Structure formats: C-alpha cells, structure tokens
Amino acid sequence: MQIKDLTALYLSELQEASSFEGQVAGALPELADRASDPALRAFLSDDMPEARLHGERVSGLLEAHGATERHTDGSMQRILGEARDWAAQIDDPSVRDAALIASTQRILHYEMAVYGSLADWAKQLGLSDLETLVAILEEDKRADARLTQIAKDTVNAKAAA
C-alpha cells in the first residue's frame, strides 16, 4: 500500500495492530505453560482473552473504515520469537519467569507505542476510533503495571537467589 497521507498511515498501522494482536493471542498459551510462578501464570492466562478482545476491537475499526487485514507484523513476530527462545532455553524456572516477564513487557511496550500513535492520529483526523484506541492503550498500561508488580513482589528476587 502506498502511504500518501496520515489516513493511509493510520490504516496501515491499524492493520499491523490487528496482525500483532492475533500473534500475541496465539503465543500466550505457550508462554503461560512455561511460567512457574502462580501469579505470572495466572496473568498470562488471564491476558489471553484480553488480547483476543483487542484483536476483535481493532478488526472492527478496520471494518468500519472498509479496510482489510493484511500481512503479518514482522516486529511482533521477532519479539515473540525471542520470548519463545528464552522460554525454551532457560532451565531455571525462576530465571525463566524473569525472562517471560521481560518478554511480555517488551510485547506490551511495543503495543503501547503503536496504540499511542494510533490514538493521536485518530484524534488529529477527527475519527471516532479514538475512544477504542485509548481504552486498549490504558488496558495495556494496567497490564504492564501488573507485570512490574509480579516481578518486584516475587519473581526477580527468586531469580537472583
């Protein structure tokens, strides 16, 4: 797609978001299975429906604009590949949990960067999508804060021991 204006850029990035939400929803069960900390395992399991819901909401925005979903987001593919590698290569459960948290936060931070840009562009373009995008962004921020708390409360200390 040739990007000639902010609307085209917005739709292209929205397509990327749709792609990465599907990838994340597909990867979370595998990551949850590798977690040993009960709070982390619960977080990863509880976040699965949220990722699917985010994907559905983004797909709805695309549909409202008459846009289709497209290719796989390569950035998220690489982030998830690293998460899977760490989950498979780290034998110590506590260290693996610390790596899973770092990987999941990397996923969330990437998502927050995308949704922050999309929300601002939607605002500049006067699109009603803004409310949905801000809601997703806030949900990702809360998820990141929960992960930070899990890391600080138990996981990082266990990994360092």
N, C-alpha and C. Protein backbone atom coordinates (compact mmCIF):
# COMPACT_ATOMS: atom_id res chain seq x y z
N MET A 1 0.84 -1.18 0.00
CA MET A 1 0.00 0.00 0.00
C MET A 1 0.89 1.24 0.00
N GLN A 2 0.62 2.13 -0.91
CA GLN A 2 1.32 3.41 -0.96
C GLN A 2 0.73 4.31 0.12
N ILE A 3 1.60 4.85 0.96
CA ILE A 3 1.13 5.73 2.04
C ILE A 3 1.36 7.16 1.61
N LYS A 4 0.25 7.85 1.33
CA LYS A 4 0.32 9.21 0.80
C LYS A 4 -0.12 10.26 1.79
N ASP A 5 -0.81 9.83 2.86
CA ASP A 5 -1.29 10.81 3.84
C ASP A 5 -1.45 10.13 5.19
N LEU A 6 -1.84 10.91 6.19
CA LEU A 6 -1.96 10.39 7.55
C LEU A 6 -3.05 9.33 7.65
N THR A 7 -4.10 9.46 6.88
CA THR A 7 -5.16 8.45 6.91
C THR A 7 -4.63 7.10 6.43
N ALA A 8 -3.86 7.10 5.37
CA ALA A 8 -3.28 5.85 4.86
C ALA A 8 -2.30 5.26 5.87
N LEU A 9 -1.50 6.12 6.50
CA LEU A 9 -0.57 5.66 7.53
C LEU A 9 -1.34 5.06 8.70
N TYR A 10 -2.40 5.74 9.10
CA TYR A 10 -3.25 5.27 10.20
C TYR A 10 -3.80 3.88 9.89
N LEU A 11 -4.36 3.70 8.71
CA LEU A 11 -4.95 2.41 8.34
C LEU A 11 -3.89 1.32 8.25
N SER A 12 -2.71 1.66 7.75
CA SER A 12 -1.63 0.69 7.66
C SER A 12 -1.21 0.23 9.06
N GLU A 13 -1.08 1.18 9.97
CA GLU A 13 -0.68 0.83 11.34
C GLU A 13 -1.78 0.06 12.05
N LEU A 14 -3.03 0.38 11.77
CA LEU A 14 -4.16 -0.36 12.34
C LEU A 14 -4.13 -1.81 11.85
N GLN A 15 -3.74 -2.01 10.60
CA GLN A 15 -3.59 -3.37 10.08
C GLN A 15 -2.47 -4.11 10.81
N GLU A 16 -1.38 -3.41 11.09
CA GLU A 16 -0.29 -4.00 11.86
C GLU A 16 -0.79 -4.42 13.24
N ALA A 17 -1.58 -3.55 13.88
CA ALA A 17 -2.11 -3.86 15.21
C ALA A 17 -2.99 -5.09 15.18
N SER A 18 -3.79 -5.20 14.16
CA SER A 18 -4.65 -6.38 14.03
C SER A 18 -3.79 -7.64 13.92
N SER A 19 -2.73 -7.55 13.16
CA SER A 19 -1.83 -8.69 12.99
C SER A 19 -1.17 -9.07 14.31
N PHE A 20 -0.61 -8.07 15.01
CA PHE A 20 0.13 -8.44 16.22
C PHE A 20 -0.78 -8.91 17.34
N GLU A 21 -2.01 -8.42 17.40
CA GLU A 21 -2.92 -8.91 18.44
C GLU A 21 -3.21 -10.40 18.23
N GLY A 22 -3.38 -10.81 16.98
CA GLY A 22 -3.59 -12.23 16.70
C GLY A 22 -2.38 -13.07 17.06
N GLN A 23 -1.20 -12.54 16.77
CA GLN A 23 0.03 -13.26 17.11
C GLN A 23 0.18 -13.43 18.61
N VAL A 24 -0.10 -12.35 19.34
CA VAL A 24 0.03 -12.39 20.80
C VAL A 24 -0.97 -13.38 21.40
N ALA A 25 -2.20 -13.30 20.94
CA ALA A 25 -3.23 -14.23 21.45
C ALA A 25 -2.82 -15.68 21.21
N GLY A 26 -2.18 -15.93 20.09
CA GLY A 26 -1.74 -17.28 19.78
C GLY A 26 -0.54 -17.73 20.60
N ALA A 27 0.31 -16.80 21.02
CA ALA A 27 1.53 -17.14 21.75
C ALA A 27 1.33 -17.24 23.26
N LEU A 28 0.34 -16.55 23.80
CA LEU A 28 0.18 -16.52 25.26
C LEU A 28 -0.02 -17.89 25.91
N PRO A 29 -0.78 -18.80 25.31
CA PRO A 29 -0.91 -20.11 25.97
C PRO A 29 0.43 -20.83 26.14
N GLU A 30 1.26 -20.74 25.13
CA GLU A 30 2.59 -21.36 25.18
C GLU A 30 3.44 -20.72 26.27
N LEU A 31 3.41 -19.40 26.36
CA LEU A 31 4.19 -18.70 27.38
C LEU A 31 3.65 -19.02 28.77
N ALA A 32 2.33 -19.05 28.92
CA ALA A 32 1.72 -19.37 30.21
C ALA A 32 2.13 -20.77 30.67
N ASP A 33 2.20 -21.71 29.74
CA ASP A 33 2.60 -23.08 30.08
C ASP A 33 4.03 -23.16 30.61
N ARG A 34 4.88 -22.23 30.20
CA ARG A 34 6.28 -22.25 30.61
C ARG A 34 6.52 -21.49 31.92
N ALA A 35 5.52 -20.74 32.39
CA ALA A 35 5.66 -19.97 33.63
C ALA A 35 5.50 -20.89 34.84
N SER A 36 6.35 -20.68 35.85
CA SER A 36 6.24 -21.47 37.08
C SER A 36 5.63 -20.66 38.21
N ASP A 37 5.82 -19.36 38.21
CA ASP A 37 5.24 -18.52 39.26
C ASP A 37 3.72 -18.47 39.08
N PRO A 38 2.96 -18.78 40.14
CA PRO A 38 1.50 -18.82 40.01
C PRO A 38 0.89 -17.49 39.55
N ALA A 39 1.41 -16.37 40.07
CA ALA A 39 0.86 -15.07 39.67
C ALA A 39 1.16 -14.78 38.21
N LEU A 40 2.35 -15.13 37.75
CA LEU A 40 2.71 -14.91 36.35
C LEU A 40 1.89 -15.81 35.44
N ARG A 41 1.74 -17.06 35.84
CA ARG A 41 0.94 -18.00 35.03
C ARG A 41 -0.50 -17.49 34.93
N ALA A 42 -1.05 -17.04 36.05
CA ALA A 42 -2.42 -16.51 36.05
C ALA A 42 -2.52 -15.27 35.17
N PHE A 43 -1.52 -14.39 35.26
CA PHE A 43 -1.53 -13.18 34.44
C PHE A 43 -1.54 -13.55 32.96
N LEU A 44 -0.65 -14.43 32.56
CA LEU A 44 -0.56 -14.79 31.14
C LEU A 44 -1.83 -15.48 30.67
N SER A 45 -2.42 -16.29 31.52
CA SER A 45 -3.68 -16.96 31.16
C SER A 45 -4.83 -15.97 31.10
N ASP A 46 -4.88 -15.04 32.06
CA ASP A 46 -5.96 -14.05 32.09
C ASP A 46 -5.85 -13.05 30.96
N ASP A 47 -4.62 -12.82 30.48
CA ASP A 47 -4.41 -11.83 29.43
C ASP A 47 -4.81 -12.36 28.05
N MET A 48 -4.97 -13.67 27.93
CA MET A 48 -5.34 -14.26 26.63
C MET A 48 -6.66 -13.71 26.10
N PRO A 49 -7.72 -13.72 26.92
CA PRO A 49 -8.99 -13.18 26.40
C PRO A 49 -8.88 -11.69 26.05
N GLU A 50 -8.07 -10.95 26.82
CA GLU A 50 -7.90 -9.52 26.54
C GLU A 50 -7.24 -9.31 25.18
N ALA A 51 -6.23 -10.11 24.86
CA ALA A 51 -5.56 -9.99 23.56
C ALA A 51 -6.54 -10.30 22.43
N ARG A 52 -7.36 -11.32 22.63
CA ARG A 52 -8.36 -11.65 21.60
C ARG A 52 -9.36 -10.50 21.45
N LEU A 53 -9.78 -9.94 22.58
CA LEU A 53 -10.73 -8.83 22.55
C LEU A 53 -10.12 -7.62 21.86
N HIS A 54 -8.85 -7.33 22.15
CA HIS A 54 -8.18 -6.22 21.46
C HIS A 54 -8.19 -6.46 19.96
N GLY A 55 -7.87 -7.68 19.56
CA GLY A 55 -7.88 -8.02 18.13
C GLY A 55 -9.24 -7.83 17.50
N GLU A 56 -10.28 -8.23 18.21
CA GLU A 56 -11.64 -8.06 17.70
C GLU A 56 -12.00 -6.58 17.57
N ARG A 57 -11.59 -5.80 18.56
CA ARG A 57 -11.89 -4.36 18.51
C ARG A 57 -11.17 -3.68 17.35
N VAL A 58 -9.91 -4.05 17.15
CA VAL A 58 -9.14 -3.48 16.04
C VAL A 58 -9.73 -3.93 14.71
N SER A 59 -10.11 -5.19 14.61
CA SER A 59 -10.74 -5.68 13.38
C SER A 59 -12.03 -4.91 13.09
N GLY A 60 -12.77 -4.59 14.13
CA GLY A 60 -13.98 -3.80 13.97
C GLY A 60 -13.69 -2.41 13.44
N LEU A 61 -12.60 -1.81 13.92
CA LEU A 61 -12.20 -0.49 13.42
C LEU A 61 -11.82 -0.57 11.94
N LEU A 62 -11.06 -1.59 11.59
CA LEU A 62 -10.68 -1.77 10.19
C LEU A 62 -11.92 -1.93 9.31
N GLU A 63 -12.84 -2.75 9.77
CA GLU A 63 -14.07 -2.99 9.01
C GLU A 63 -14.86 -1.69 8.84
N ALA A 64 -14.91 -0.89 9.88
CA ALA A 64 -15.65 0.38 9.80
C ALA A 64 -15.04 1.32 8.76
N HIS A 65 -13.74 1.17 8.52
CA HIS A 65 -13.06 2.01 7.52
C HIS A 65 -13.00 1.34 6.16
N GLY A 66 -13.58 0.16 6.04
CA GLY A 66 -13.56 -0.55 4.77
C GLY A 66 -12.20 -1.12 4.43
N ALA A 67 -11.35 -1.28 5.44
CA ALA A 67 -10.00 -1.81 5.23
C ALA A 67 -9.98 -3.28 5.62
N THR A 68 -9.07 -4.01 5.04
CA THR A 68 -8.93 -5.43 5.34
C THR A 68 -7.68 -5.66 6.18
N GLU A 69 -7.63 -6.82 6.80
CA GLU A 69 -6.41 -7.20 7.50
C GLU A 69 -5.40 -7.61 6.44
N ARG A 70 -4.11 -7.49 6.79
CA ARG A 70 -3.10 -7.83 5.79
C ARG A 70 -1.96 -8.62 6.38
N HIS A 71 -0.78 -8.44 5.87
CA HIS A 71 0.37 -9.27 6.21
C HIS A 71 0.67 -9.34 7.71
N THR A 72 1.54 -10.26 8.04
CA THR A 72 1.96 -10.47 9.42
C THR A 72 2.92 -9.37 9.85
N ASP A 73 2.69 -8.84 11.04
CA ASP A 73 3.57 -7.82 11.61
C ASP A 73 4.91 -8.47 11.97
N GLY A 74 5.96 -8.08 11.26
CA GLY A 74 7.27 -8.68 11.46
C GLY A 74 7.92 -8.32 12.77
N SER A 75 7.67 -7.13 13.28
CA SER A 75 8.28 -6.72 14.54
C SER A 75 7.79 -7.61 15.68
N MET A 76 6.49 -7.82 15.75
CA MET A 76 5.95 -8.67 16.82
C MET A 76 6.40 -10.11 16.63
N GLN A 77 6.52 -10.53 15.40
CA GLN A 77 6.98 -11.89 15.13
C GLN A 77 8.36 -12.11 15.75
N ARG A 78 9.24 -11.12 15.61
CA ARG A 78 10.59 -11.23 16.17
C ARG A 78 10.56 -11.18 17.70
N ILE A 79 9.74 -10.29 18.27
CA ILE A 79 9.63 -10.20 19.72
C ILE A 79 9.13 -11.53 20.30
N LEU A 80 8.11 -12.09 19.67
CA LEU A 80 7.58 -13.37 20.15
C LEU A 80 8.57 -14.51 19.94
N GLY A 81 9.35 -14.44 18.87
CA GLY A 81 10.38 -15.46 18.65
C GLY A 81 11.41 -15.46 19.76
N GLU A 82 11.81 -14.27 20.19
CA GLU A 82 12.76 -14.18 21.30
C GLU A 82 12.14 -14.70 22.59
N ALA A 83 10.88 -14.38 22.83
CA ALA A 83 10.20 -14.87 24.03
C ALA A 83 10.16 -16.40 24.04
N ARG A 84 9.85 -16.97 22.90
CA ARG A 84 9.80 -18.44 22.80
C ARG A 84 11.19 -19.05 23.00
N ASP A 85 12.20 -18.39 22.43
CA ASP A 85 13.58 -18.89 22.59
C ASP A 85 13.98 -18.91 24.06
N TRP A 86 13.72 -17.80 24.75
CA TRP A 86 14.07 -17.74 26.17
C TRP A 86 13.29 -18.79 26.96
N ALA A 87 12.02 -18.92 26.67
CA ALA A 87 11.20 -19.90 27.39
C ALA A 87 11.74 -21.31 27.20
N ALA A 88 12.28 -21.59 26.04
CA ALA A 88 12.79 -22.93 25.74
C ALA A 88 14.22 -23.15 26.22
N GLN A 89 15.02 -22.09 26.27
CA GLN A 89 16.45 -22.24 26.54
C GLN A 89 16.83 -22.08 28.01
N ILE A 90 15.94 -21.53 28.82
CA ILE A 90 16.28 -21.27 30.23
C ILE A 90 15.67 -22.38 31.08
N ASP A 91 16.54 -23.15 31.73
CA ASP A 91 16.08 -24.28 32.53
C ASP A 91 15.61 -23.87 33.92
N ASP A 92 16.28 -22.91 34.54
CA ASP A 92 15.90 -22.49 35.89
C ASP A 92 14.53 -21.81 35.84
N PRO A 93 13.53 -22.36 36.54
CA PRO A 93 12.18 -21.81 36.45
C PRO A 93 12.07 -20.34 36.86
N SER A 94 12.81 -19.94 37.88
CA SER A 94 12.72 -18.55 38.34
C SER A 94 13.34 -17.59 37.34
N VAL A 95 14.47 -17.99 36.77
CA VAL A 95 15.11 -17.15 35.75
C VAL A 95 14.23 -17.11 34.50
N ARG A 96 13.64 -18.24 34.15
CA ARG A 96 12.73 -18.28 33.00
C ARG A 96 11.53 -17.35 33.24
N ASP A 97 11.00 -17.33 34.47
CA ASP A 97 9.89 -16.43 34.78
C ASP A 97 10.31 -14.97 34.60
N ALA A 98 11.52 -14.63 35.06
CA ALA A 98 12.01 -13.26 34.88
C ALA A 98 12.10 -12.92 33.39
N ALA A 99 12.57 -13.87 32.60
CA ALA A 99 12.67 -13.66 31.15
C ALA A 99 11.28 -13.53 30.52
N LEU A 100 10.33 -14.34 30.98
CA LEU A 100 8.96 -14.24 30.46
C LEU A 100 8.34 -12.89 30.77
N ILE A 101 8.62 -12.37 31.96
CA ILE A 101 8.11 -11.04 32.29
C ILE A 101 8.74 -9.99 31.39
N ALA A 102 10.06 -10.06 31.21
CA ALA A 102 10.73 -9.09 30.34
C ALA A 102 10.18 -9.17 28.92
N SER A 103 9.98 -10.38 28.44
CA SER A 103 9.45 -10.56 27.08
C SER A 103 8.03 -10.03 26.96
N THR A 104 7.21 -10.32 27.96
CA THR A 104 5.82 -9.86 27.92
C THR A 104 5.75 -8.35 28.02
N GLN A 105 6.63 -7.76 28.83
CA GLN A 105 6.65 -6.30 28.89
C GLN A 105 7.14 -5.70 27.58
N ARG A 106 8.07 -6.36 26.92
CA ARG A 106 8.51 -5.88 25.61
C ARG A 106 7.34 -5.88 24.63
N ILE A 107 6.52 -6.94 24.68
CA ILE A 107 5.32 -7.02 23.85
C ILE A 107 4.39 -5.86 24.16
N LEU A 108 4.13 -5.65 25.45
CA LEU A 108 3.21 -4.58 25.86
C LEU A 108 3.73 -3.20 25.47
N HIS A 109 5.03 -2.98 25.63
CA HIS A 109 5.59 -1.66 25.30
C HIS A 109 5.50 -1.39 23.80
N TYR A 110 5.71 -2.42 23.00
CA TYR A 110 5.53 -2.27 21.56
C TYR A 110 4.08 -1.92 21.25
N GLU A 111 3.16 -2.65 21.87
CA GLU A 111 1.74 -2.37 21.66
C GLU A 111 1.39 -0.95 22.11
N MET A 112 1.91 -0.53 23.25
CA MET A 112 1.60 0.82 23.75
C MET A 112 2.13 1.89 22.80
N ALA A 113 3.30 1.67 22.22
CA ALA A 113 3.83 2.63 21.25
C ALA A 113 2.91 2.74 20.04
N VAL A 114 2.45 1.60 19.55
CA VAL A 114 1.55 1.59 18.39
C VAL A 114 0.22 2.25 18.73
N TYR A 115 -0.39 1.83 19.84
CA TYR A 115 -1.70 2.38 20.18
C TYR A 115 -1.63 3.86 20.56
N GLY A 116 -0.51 4.29 21.14
CA GLY A 116 -0.35 5.71 21.43
C GLY A 116 -0.32 6.53 20.15
N SER A 117 0.42 6.05 19.16
CA SER A 117 0.46 6.74 17.86
C SER A 117 -0.90 6.72 17.19
N LEU A 118 -1.53 5.54 17.17
CA LEU A 118 -2.85 5.43 16.54
C LEU A 118 -3.86 6.36 17.19
N ALA A 119 -3.84 6.43 18.52
CA ALA A 119 -4.80 7.30 19.22
C ALA A 119 -4.58 8.76 18.85
N ASP A 120 -3.32 9.18 18.80
CA ASP A 120 -3.06 10.57 18.44
C ASP A 120 -3.46 10.86 17.00
N TRP A 121 -3.16 9.93 16.11
CA TRP A 121 -3.55 10.13 14.71
C TRP A 121 -5.06 10.16 14.57
N ALA A 122 -5.76 9.28 15.29
CA ALA A 122 -7.23 9.28 15.24
C ALA A 122 -7.77 10.62 15.72
N LYS A 123 -7.15 11.16 16.76
CA LYS A 123 -7.57 12.47 17.27
C LYS A 123 -7.34 13.55 16.21
N GLN A 124 -6.16 13.55 15.61
CA GLN A 124 -5.84 14.55 14.60
C GLN A 124 -6.76 14.46 13.39
N LEU A 125 -7.16 13.23 13.07
CA LEU A 125 -8.04 13.00 11.91
C LEU A 125 -9.52 13.13 12.25
N GLY A 126 -9.82 13.36 13.53
CA GLY A 126 -11.21 13.50 13.95
C GLY A 126 -12.01 12.21 13.87
N LEU A 127 -11.35 11.08 14.10
CA LEU A 127 -12.01 9.78 13.98
C LEU A 127 -12.63 9.35 15.31
N SER A 128 -13.75 8.69 15.22
CA SER A 128 -14.41 8.18 16.42
C SER A 128 -13.67 6.97 17.01
N ASP A 129 -12.66 6.48 16.32
CA ASP A 129 -11.85 5.35 16.79
C ASP A 129 -11.10 5.68 18.07
N LEU A 130 -10.94 6.96 18.35
CA LEU A 130 -10.10 7.41 19.46
C LEU A 130 -10.47 6.71 20.77
N GLU A 131 -11.74 6.64 21.09
CA GLU A 131 -12.17 6.05 22.37
C GLU A 131 -11.72 4.60 22.49
N THR A 132 -11.87 3.83 21.45
CA THR A 132 -11.46 2.42 21.46
C THR A 132 -9.96 2.30 21.62
N LEU A 133 -9.21 3.10 20.90
CA LEU A 133 -7.75 3.03 20.95
C LEU A 133 -7.21 3.44 22.32
N VAL A 134 -7.79 4.47 22.91
CA VAL A 134 -7.37 4.91 24.24
C VAL A 134 -7.69 3.82 25.27
N ALA A 135 -8.84 3.18 25.13
CA ALA A 135 -9.20 2.10 26.06
C ALA A 135 -8.20 0.95 25.97
N ILE A 136 -7.82 0.56 24.76
CA ILE A 136 -6.84 -0.51 24.60
C ILE A 136 -5.50 -0.09 25.20
N LEU A 137 -5.09 1.13 24.92
CA LEU A 137 -3.82 1.65 25.45
C LEU A 137 -3.82 1.61 26.98
N GLU A 138 -4.91 2.03 27.60
CA GLU A 138 -4.99 2.03 29.06
C GLU A 138 -4.98 0.61 29.62
N GLU A 139 -5.63 -0.31 28.94
CA GLU A 139 -5.61 -1.71 29.37
C GLU A 139 -4.19 -2.27 29.30
N ASP A 140 -3.45 -1.92 28.27
CA ASP A 140 -2.06 -2.37 28.16
C ASP A 140 -1.20 -1.75 29.25
N LYS A 141 -1.43 -0.50 29.58
CA LYS A 141 -0.68 0.14 30.66
C LYS A 141 -0.94 -0.55 31.99
N ARG A 142 -2.19 -0.89 32.25
CA ARG A 142 -2.52 -1.60 33.50
C ARG A 142 -1.87 -2.98 33.53
N ALA A 143 -1.87 -3.66 32.40
CA ALA A 143 -1.24 -4.98 32.32
C ALA A 143 0.26 -4.86 32.60
N ASP A 144 0.90 -3.85 32.06
CA ASP A 144 2.32 -3.63 32.28
C ASP A 144 2.60 -3.38 33.76
N ALA A 145 1.75 -2.58 34.40
CA ALA A 145 1.92 -2.30 35.83
C ALA A 145 1.76 -3.58 36.66
N ARG A 146 0.82 -4.43 36.28
CA ARG A 146 0.63 -5.70 37.00
C ARG A 146 1.87 -6.59 36.85
N LEU A 147 2.42 -6.63 35.65
CA LEU A 147 3.63 -7.43 35.44
C LEU A 147 4.80 -6.90 36.26
N THR A 148 4.94 -5.59 36.29
CA THR A 148 6.01 -4.99 37.09
C THR A 148 5.86 -5.39 38.55
N GLN A 149 4.64 -5.38 39.05
CA GLN A 149 4.40 -5.75 40.44
C GLN A 149 4.74 -7.22 40.69
N ILE A 150 4.37 -8.09 39.77
CA ILE A 150 4.71 -9.52 39.91
C ILE A 150 6.23 -9.68 39.95
N ALA A 151 6.93 -8.97 39.08
CA ALA A 151 8.39 -9.05 39.05
C ALA A 151 8.98 -8.58 40.37
N LYS A 152 8.51 -7.45 40.87
CA LYS A 152 9.06 -6.88 42.11
C LYS A 152 8.67 -7.69 43.34
N ASP A 153 7.45 -8.22 43.36
CA ASP A 153 6.98 -8.94 44.55
C ASP A 153 7.67 -10.28 44.75
N THR A 154 7.90 -11.02 43.67
CA THR A 154 8.42 -12.37 43.86
C THR A 154 9.46 -12.81 42.83
N VAL A 155 9.17 -12.62 41.57
CA VAL A 155 9.94 -13.28 40.52
C VAL A 155 11.40 -12.86 40.49
N ASN A 156 11.68 -11.58 40.50
CA ASN A 156 13.07 -11.15 40.37
C ASN A 156 13.93 -11.58 41.56
N ALA A 157 13.37 -11.53 42.77
CA ALA A 157 14.12 -11.97 43.95
C ALA A 157 14.42 -13.46 43.87
N LYS A 158 13.45 -14.25 43.44
CA LYS A 158 13.68 -15.70 43.29
C LYS A 158 14.74 -15.96 42.22
N ALA A 159 14.70 -15.20 41.13
CA ALA A 159 15.68 -15.40 40.05
C ALA A 159 17.09 -15.05 40.51
N ALA A 160 17.20 -14.07 41.40
CA ALA A 160 18.52 -13.63 41.87
C ALA A 160 19.09 -14.56 42.94
N ALA A 161 18.24 -15.34 43.58
CA ALA A 161 18.68 -16.20 44.70
C ALA A 161 19.55 -17.36 44.23
